[in-house]
Amino acid sequence: MLIAIEGIDGSGKTTLAKELKKWLENEKKKKVLLTAEPFTEEISKLIQEEGWKDPVTLTLLFSADRGVHVNWIMKQNQYNIIITDRYYYSTIAYQSAMGIDKNWIVEVNKFFPKPELTLLLDIPAEIAITRIKKDDKFNFKEKLSLLQKVRENYLEIAKNENSIKIINSTKTFEEVLSEAKNYVEELIS
């Protein structure tokens, strides 16, 4: 079973993924693999050094990384549940915000398994930006503008996907975690 955690930078994905893993292992006695994208060091390095210069290259690098990631995940048979911090919806949301055709991104990623559940942590970009450190690749206004577009893209994607559950991540973390647990509980019971 594949669960993806999605949302803009600063939405709380990593924290939620870690806490869901603990809950599933300790209370539900599940064997859980927690993973994240980008997955490979080599492609991550290329993304950092070259990818941001060209959105097409960036899209292909993330998709290549996902190919390696998915192949690795498929070999991890000892786990009941796999939680990934980001998945292909991130590529669709971010790269289309950078001007890449959304349909092309979907086409490039259509062979990857669809998550049984995607938890989309929704937060206004203005709040998210206060949660994250300034990224040296972007100035504040560019980062804010990008995150606003990405958020809009995520919400648009969620309208067409029943497996995506939107969680308001401006709530307390305890409330976010509780809502996420409810969605996961529905899936595993």
C-alpha atoms as a PDB file:
ATOM      1  CA  MET A   1       0.000   0.000   0.000  1.00  0.00           C
ATOM      2  CA  LEU A   2       1.423   3.348  -1.077  1.00  0.00           C
ATOM      3  CA  ILE A   3       0.606   6.575   0.758  1.00  0.00           C
ATOM      4  CA  ALA A   4       1.968   9.864  -0.585  1.00  0.00           C
ATOM      5  CA  ILE A   5       2.286  13.031   1.461  1.00  0.00           C
ATOM      6  CA  GLU A   6       2.124  16.140  -0.727  1.00  0.00           C
ATOM      7  CA  GLY A   7       2.040  19.900  -0.293  1.00  0.00           C
ATOM      8  CA  ILE A   8       4.049  23.023  -0.890  1.00  0.00           C
ATOM      9  CA  ASP A   9       7.349  23.639   0.875  1.00  0.00           C
ATOM     10  CA  GLY A  10       6.693  24.454   4.525  1.00  0.00           C
ATOM     11  CA  SER A  11       3.374  22.598   4.726  1.00  0.00           C
ATOM     12  CA  GLY A  12       4.590  19.967   7.214  1.00  0.00           C
ATOM     13  CA  LYS A  13       4.989  16.914   4.964  1.00  0.00           C
ATOM     14  CA  THR A  14       8.133  15.496   6.532  1.00  0.00           C
ATOM     15  CA  THR A  15       6.895  15.878  10.110  1.00  0.00           C
ATOM     16  CA  LEU A  16       3.559  14.268   9.251  1.00  0.00           C
ATOM     17  CA  ALA A  17       5.207  11.382   7.400  1.00  0.00           C
ATOM     18  CA  LYS A  18       7.441  10.593  10.398  1.00  0.00           C
ATOM     19  CA  GLU A  19       4.568  10.743  12.881  1.00  0.00           C
ATOM     20  CA  LEU A  20       2.287   8.574  10.726  1.00  0.00           C
ATOM     21  CA  LYS A  21       5.055   5.988  10.490  1.00  0.00           C
ATOM     22  CA  LYS A  22       5.437   5.906  14.295  1.00  0.00           C
ATOM     23  CA  TRP A  23       1.668   5.604  14.794  1.00  0.00           C
ATOM     24  CA  LEU A  24       1.269   2.845  12.209  1.00  0.00           C
ATOM     25  CA  GLU A  25       4.162   0.838  13.640  1.00  0.00           C
ATOM     26  CA  ASN A  26       3.436   1.327  17.341  1.00  0.00           C
ATOM     27  CA  GLU A  27      -0.361   1.317  17.459  1.00  0.00           C
ATOM     28  CA  LYS A  28      -1.385  -0.512  14.297  1.00  0.00           C
ATOM     29  CA  LYS A  29       1.541  -2.967  14.276  1.00  0.00           C
ATOM     30  CA  LYS A  30       2.244  -2.361  10.591  1.00  0.00           C
ATOM     31  CA  LYS A  31       5.616  -2.646   8.907  1.00  0.00           C
ATOM     32  CA  VAL A  32       6.146   0.791   7.411  1.00  0.00           C
ATOM     33  CA  LEU A  33       8.782   2.068   5.020  1.00  0.00           C
ATOM     34  CA  LEU A  34       9.260   5.838   5.019  1.00  0.00           C
ATOM     35  CA  THR A  35      10.931   7.227   1.932  1.00  0.00           C
ATOM     36  CA  ALA A  36      11.146  10.550   0.111  1.00  0.00           C
ATOM     37  CA  GLU A  37      11.758  12.182  -3.234  1.00  0.00           C
ATOM     38  CA  PRO A  38      14.163  13.068  -4.607  1.00  0.00           C
ATOM     39  CA  PHE A  39      15.513   9.611  -3.805  1.00  0.00           C
ATOM     40  CA  THR A  40      18.971   9.178  -5.340  1.00  0.00           C
ATOM     41  CA  GLU A  41      22.012  11.217  -4.341  1.00  0.00           C
ATOM     42  CA  GLU A  42      23.280  11.354  -7.912  1.00  0.00           C
ATOM     43  CA  ILE A  43      20.092  12.758  -9.394  1.00  0.00           C
ATOM     44  CA  SER A  44      19.558  15.034  -6.382  1.00  0.00           C
ATOM     45  CA  LYS A  45      22.973  16.524  -7.059  1.00  0.00           C
ATOM     46  CA  LEU A  46      22.116  17.080 -10.734  1.00  0.00           C
ATOM     47  CA  ILE A  47      18.820  18.690  -9.739  1.00  0.00           C
ATOM     48  CA  GLN A  48      20.622  21.080  -7.388  1.00  0.00           C
ATOM     49  CA  GLU A  49      23.414  21.920  -9.819  1.00  0.00           C
ATOM     50  CA  GLU A  50      21.701  21.956 -13.212  1.00  0.00           C
ATOM     51  CA  GLY A  51      18.004  21.220 -12.981  1.00  0.00           C
ATOM     52  CA  TRP A  52      16.754  24.583 -11.781  1.00  0.00           C
ATOM     53  CA  LYS A  53      18.206  26.229 -14.888  1.00  0.00           C
ATOM     54  CA  ASP A  54      15.686  24.514 -17.158  1.00  0.00           C
ATOM     55  CA  PRO A  55      12.173  23.311 -16.206  1.00  0.00           C
ATOM     56  CA  VAL A  56      12.152  20.556 -18.871  1.00  0.00           C
ATOM     57  CA  THR A  57      15.426  19.141 -17.562  1.00  0.00           C
ATOM     58  CA  LEU A  58      14.112  19.424 -14.023  1.00  0.00           C
ATOM     59  CA  THR A  59      10.940  17.511 -14.925  1.00  0.00           C
ATOM     60  CA  LEU A  60      12.930  14.729 -16.565  1.00  0.00           C
ATOM     61  CA  LEU A  61      15.415  14.527 -13.675  1.00  0.00           C
ATOM     62  CA  PHE A  62      12.619  14.204 -11.110  1.00  0.00           C
ATOM     63  CA  SER A  63      10.918  11.575 -13.275  1.00  0.00           C
ATOM     64  CA  ALA A  64      14.157   9.605 -13.730  1.00  0.00           C
ATOM     65  CA  ASP A  65      14.708   9.743  -9.977  1.00  0.00           C
ATOM     66  CA  ARG A  66      11.150   8.484  -9.471  1.00  0.00           C
ATOM     67  CA  GLY A  67      11.845   5.560 -11.799  1.00  0.00           C
ATOM     68  CA  VAL A  68      14.779   4.480  -9.639  1.00  0.00           C
ATOM     69  CA  HIS A  69      12.719   5.129  -6.503  1.00  0.00           C
ATOM     70  CA  VAL A  70       9.717   3.063  -7.650  1.00  0.00           C
ATOM     71  CA  ASN A  71      11.924   0.159  -8.761  1.00  0.00           C
ATOM     72  CA  TRP A  72      13.556   0.152  -5.321  1.00  0.00           C
ATOM     73  CA  ILE A  73      10.171   0.372  -3.550  1.00  0.00           C
ATOM     74  CA  MET A  74       8.859  -2.638  -5.511  1.00  0.00           C
ATOM     75  CA  LYS A  75      11.647  -4.765  -4.020  1.00  0.00           C
ATOM     76  CA  GLN A  76      10.731  -3.855  -0.418  1.00  0.00           C
ATOM     77  CA  ASN A  77       8.288  -6.729   0.108  1.00  0.00           C
ATOM     78  CA  GLN A  78       8.695  -6.881   3.873  1.00  0.00           C
ATOM     79  CA  TYR A  79       6.569  -3.740   4.386  1.00  0.00           C
ATOM     80  CA  ASN A  80       2.759  -3.468   4.593  1.00  0.00           C
ATOM     81  CA  ILE A  81       2.743   0.265   3.981  1.00  0.00           C
ATOM     82  CA  ILE A  82       5.065   2.617   2.146  1.00  0.00           C
ATOM     83  CA  ILE A  83       4.855   6.328   2.920  1.00  0.00           C
ATOM     84  CA  THR A  84       6.586   8.683   0.524  1.00  0.00           C
ATOM     85  CA  ASP A  85       7.305  12.316   1.332  1.00  0.00           C
ATOM     86  CA  ARG A  86       6.508  13.712  -2.153  1.00  0.00           C
ATOM     87  CA  TYR A  87       5.614  11.747  -5.259  1.00  0.00           C
ATOM     88  CA  TYR A  88       4.594  12.510  -8.838  1.00  0.00           C
ATOM     89  CA  TYR A  89       1.954  15.057  -7.856  1.00  0.00           C
ATOM     90  CA  SER A  90       4.854  17.260  -6.705  1.00  0.00           C
ATOM     91  CA  THR A  91       6.370  17.165 -10.173  1.00  0.00           C
ATOM     92  CA  ILE A  92       3.029  18.018 -11.757  1.00  0.00           C
ATOM     93  CA  ALA A  93       2.339  20.886  -9.339  1.00  0.00           C
ATOM     94  CA  TYR A  94       5.828  22.416  -9.300  1.00  0.00           C
ATOM     95  CA  GLN A  95       6.938  21.984 -12.889  1.00  0.00           C
ATOM     96  CA  SER A  96       3.629  23.151 -14.353  1.00  0.00           C
ATOM     97  CA  ALA A  97       3.988  26.239 -12.134  1.00  0.00           C
ATOM     98  CA  MET A  98       7.302  26.767 -13.932  1.00  0.00           C
ATOM     99  CA  GLY A  99       5.569  26.725 -17.309  1.00  0.00           C
ATOM    100  CA  ILE A 100       5.798  23.072 -18.347  1.00  0.00           C
ATOM    101  CA  ASP A 101       2.670  21.592 -19.939  1.00  0.00           C
ATOM    102  CA  LYS A 102       0.768  19.669 -17.270  1.00  0.00           C
ATOM    103  CA  ASN A 103      -0.424  17.018 -19.737  1.00  0.00           C
ATOM    104  CA  TRP A 104       3.159  16.273 -20.785  1.00  0.00           C
ATOM    105  CA  ILE A 105       4.221  15.850 -17.142  1.00  0.00           C
ATOM    106  CA  VAL A 106       1.298  13.475 -16.564  1.00  0.00           C
ATOM    107  CA  GLU A 107       2.301  11.515 -19.685  1.00  0.00           C
ATOM    108  CA  VAL A 108       5.922  11.205 -18.514  1.00  0.00           C
ATOM    109  CA  ASN A 109       4.748   9.904 -15.110  1.00  0.00           C
ATOM    110  CA  LYS A 110       1.800   7.716 -16.184  1.00  0.00           C
ATOM    111  CA  PHE A 111       3.646   4.422 -15.716  1.00  0.00           C
ATOM    112  CA  PHE A 112       4.330   4.952 -12.020  1.00  0.00           C
ATOM    113  CA  PRO A 113       1.962   3.308  -9.521  1.00  0.00           C
ATOM    114  CA  LYS A 114      -0.830   5.505  -8.249  1.00  0.00           C
ATOM    115  CA  PRO A 115      -0.923   5.894  -4.456  1.00  0.00           C
ATOM    116  CA  GLU A 116      -3.921   4.352  -2.716  1.00  0.00           C
ATOM    117  CA  LEU A 117      -4.034   7.527  -0.624  1.00  0.00           C
ATOM    118  CA  THR A 118      -2.484  10.954  -1.028  1.00  0.00           C
ATOM    119  CA  LEU A 119      -2.617  13.388   1.863  1.00  0.00           C
ATOM    120  CA  LEU A 120      -2.358  16.924   0.508  1.00  0.00           C
ATOM    121  CA  LEU A 121      -1.314  19.373   3.196  1.00  0.00           C
ATOM    122  CA  ASP A 122      -2.812  22.680   2.150  1.00  0.00           C
ATOM    123  CA  ILE A 123      -1.470  25.961   3.471  1.00  0.00           C
ATOM    124  CA  PRO A 124      -1.388  29.489   2.051  1.00  0.00           C
ATOM    125  CA  ALA A 125       2.003  30.314   0.568  1.00  0.00           C
ATOM    126  CA  GLU A 126       2.361  33.360   2.831  1.00  0.00           C
ATOM    127  CA  ILE A 127       2.197  31.155   5.922  1.00  0.00           C
ATOM    128  CA  ALA A 128       4.405  28.427   4.449  1.00  0.00           C
ATOM    129  CA  ILE A 129       7.114  30.924   3.573  1.00  0.00           C
ATOM    130  CA  THR A 130       7.394  31.939   7.231  1.00  0.00           C
ATOM    131  CA  ARG A 131       7.977  28.284   8.161  1.00  0.00           C
ATOM    132  CA  ILE A 132      10.872  27.714   5.798  1.00  0.00           C
ATOM    133  CA  LYS A 133      14.293  29.255   5.653  1.00  0.00           C
ATOM    134  CA  LYS A 134      14.986  31.465   2.689  1.00  0.00           C
ATOM    135  CA  ASP A 135      16.314  29.360  -0.153  1.00  0.00           C
ATOM    136  CA  ASP A 136      19.452  30.770  -1.714  1.00  0.00           C
ATOM    137  CA  LYS A 137      18.227  29.812  -5.206  1.00  0.00           C
ATOM    138  CA  PHE A 138      15.187  32.107  -4.958  1.00  0.00           C
ATOM    139  CA  ASN A 139      14.513  35.509  -3.572  1.00  0.00           C
ATOM    140  CA  PHE A 140      11.545  35.910  -1.246  1.00  0.00           C
ATOM    141  CA  LYS A 141       9.111  37.326  -3.842  1.00  0.00           C
ATOM    142  CA  GLU A 142      10.007  34.672  -6.449  1.00  0.00           C
ATOM    143  CA  LYS A 143       9.607  31.875  -3.908  1.00  0.00           C
ATOM    144  CA  LEU A 144       6.274  33.254  -2.682  1.00  0.00           C
ATOM    145  CA  SER A 145       4.950  33.621  -6.229  1.00  0.00           C
ATOM    146  CA  LEU A 146       6.041  30.082  -7.143  1.00  0.00           C
ATOM    147  CA  LEU A 147       4.481  28.570  -4.013  1.00  0.00           C
ATOM    148  CA  GLN A 148       1.189  30.350  -4.719  1.00  0.00           C
ATOM    149  CA  LYS A 149       1.085  28.825  -8.214  1.00  0.00           C
ATOM    150  CA  VAL A 150       2.102  25.398  -6.903  1.00  0.00           C
ATOM    151  CA  ARG A 151      -0.625  25.494  -4.263  1.00  0.00           C
ATOM    152  CA  GLU A 152      -3.218  26.348  -6.918  1.00  0.00           C
ATOM    153  CA  ASN A 153      -1.953  23.442  -9.036  1.00  0.00           C
ATOM    154  CA  TYR A 154      -2.187  20.987  -6.133  1.00  0.00           C
ATOM    155  CA  LEU A 155      -5.770  22.055  -5.409  1.00  0.00           C
ATOM    156  CA  GLU A 156      -6.678  21.702  -9.091  1.00  0.00           C
ATOM    157  CA  ILE A 157      -5.166  18.189  -9.207  1.00  0.00           C
ATOM    158  CA  ALA A 158      -7.102  17.211  -6.061  1.00  0.00           C
ATOM    159  CA  LYS A 159     -10.424  18.143  -7.709  1.00  0.00           C
ATOM    160  CA  ASN A 160      -9.960  15.288 -10.186  1.00  0.00           C
ATOM    161  CA  GLU A 161      -8.502  12.620  -7.901  1.00  0.00           C
ATOM    162  CA  ASN A 162     -10.701  10.867  -5.335  1.00  0.00           C
ATOM    163  CA  SER A 163      -7.674   9.358  -3.606  1.00  0.00           C
ATOM    164  CA  ILE A 164      -6.338  12.819  -2.671  1.00  0.00           C
ATOM    165  CA  LYS A 165      -7.528  14.065   0.708  1.00  0.00           C
ATOM    166  CA  ILE A 166      -6.925  17.729   1.491  1.00  0.00           C
ATOM    167  CA  ILE A 167      -5.895  18.604   5.041  1.00  0.00           C
ATOM    168  CA  ASN A 168      -5.743  22.218   6.198  1.00  0.00           C
ATOM    169  CA  SER A 169      -2.223  22.404   7.608  1.00  0.00           C
ATOM    170  CA  THR A 170      -2.726  25.810   9.218  1.00  0.00           C
ATOM    171  CA  LYS A 171      -4.369  23.863  12.047  1.00  0.00           C
ATOM    172  CA  THR A 172      -2.311  22.640  14.988  1.00  0.00           C
ATOM    173  CA  PHE A 173      -0.077  19.701  14.185  1.00  0.00           C
ATOM    174  CA  GLU A 174      -2.149  17.511  16.511  1.00  0.00           C
ATOM    175  CA  GLU A 175      -5.280  18.323  14.479  1.00  0.00           C
ATOM    176  CA  VAL A 176      -3.473  17.664  11.188  1.00  0.00           C
ATOM    177  CA  LEU A 177      -2.143  14.346  12.495  1.00  0.00           C
ATOM    178  CA  SER A 178      -5.572  13.315  13.783  1.00  0.00           C
ATOM    179  CA  GLU A 179      -7.209  14.031  10.424  1.00  0.00           C
ATOM    180  CA  ALA A 180      -4.442  12.171   8.587  1.00  0.00           C
ATOM    181  CA  LYS A 181      -4.833   9.177  10.909  1.00  0.00           C
ATOM    182  CA  ASN A 182      -8.568   9.098  10.167  1.00  0.00           C
ATOM    183  CA  TYR A 183      -7.923   8.921   6.410  1.00  0.00           C
ATOM    184  CA  VAL A 184      -5.291   6.214   6.849  1.00  0.00           C
ATOM    185  CA  GLU A 185      -7.556   4.280   9.230  1.00  0.00           C
ATOM    186  CA  GLU A 186     -10.313   4.238   6.573  1.00  0.00           C
ATOM    187  CA  LEU A 187      -7.822   2.819   4.103  1.00  0.00           C
ATOM    188  CA  ILE A 188      -6.321   0.075   6.270  1.00  0.00           C
ATOM    189  CA  SER A 189      -9.472  -1.172   8.006  1.00  0.00           C
END
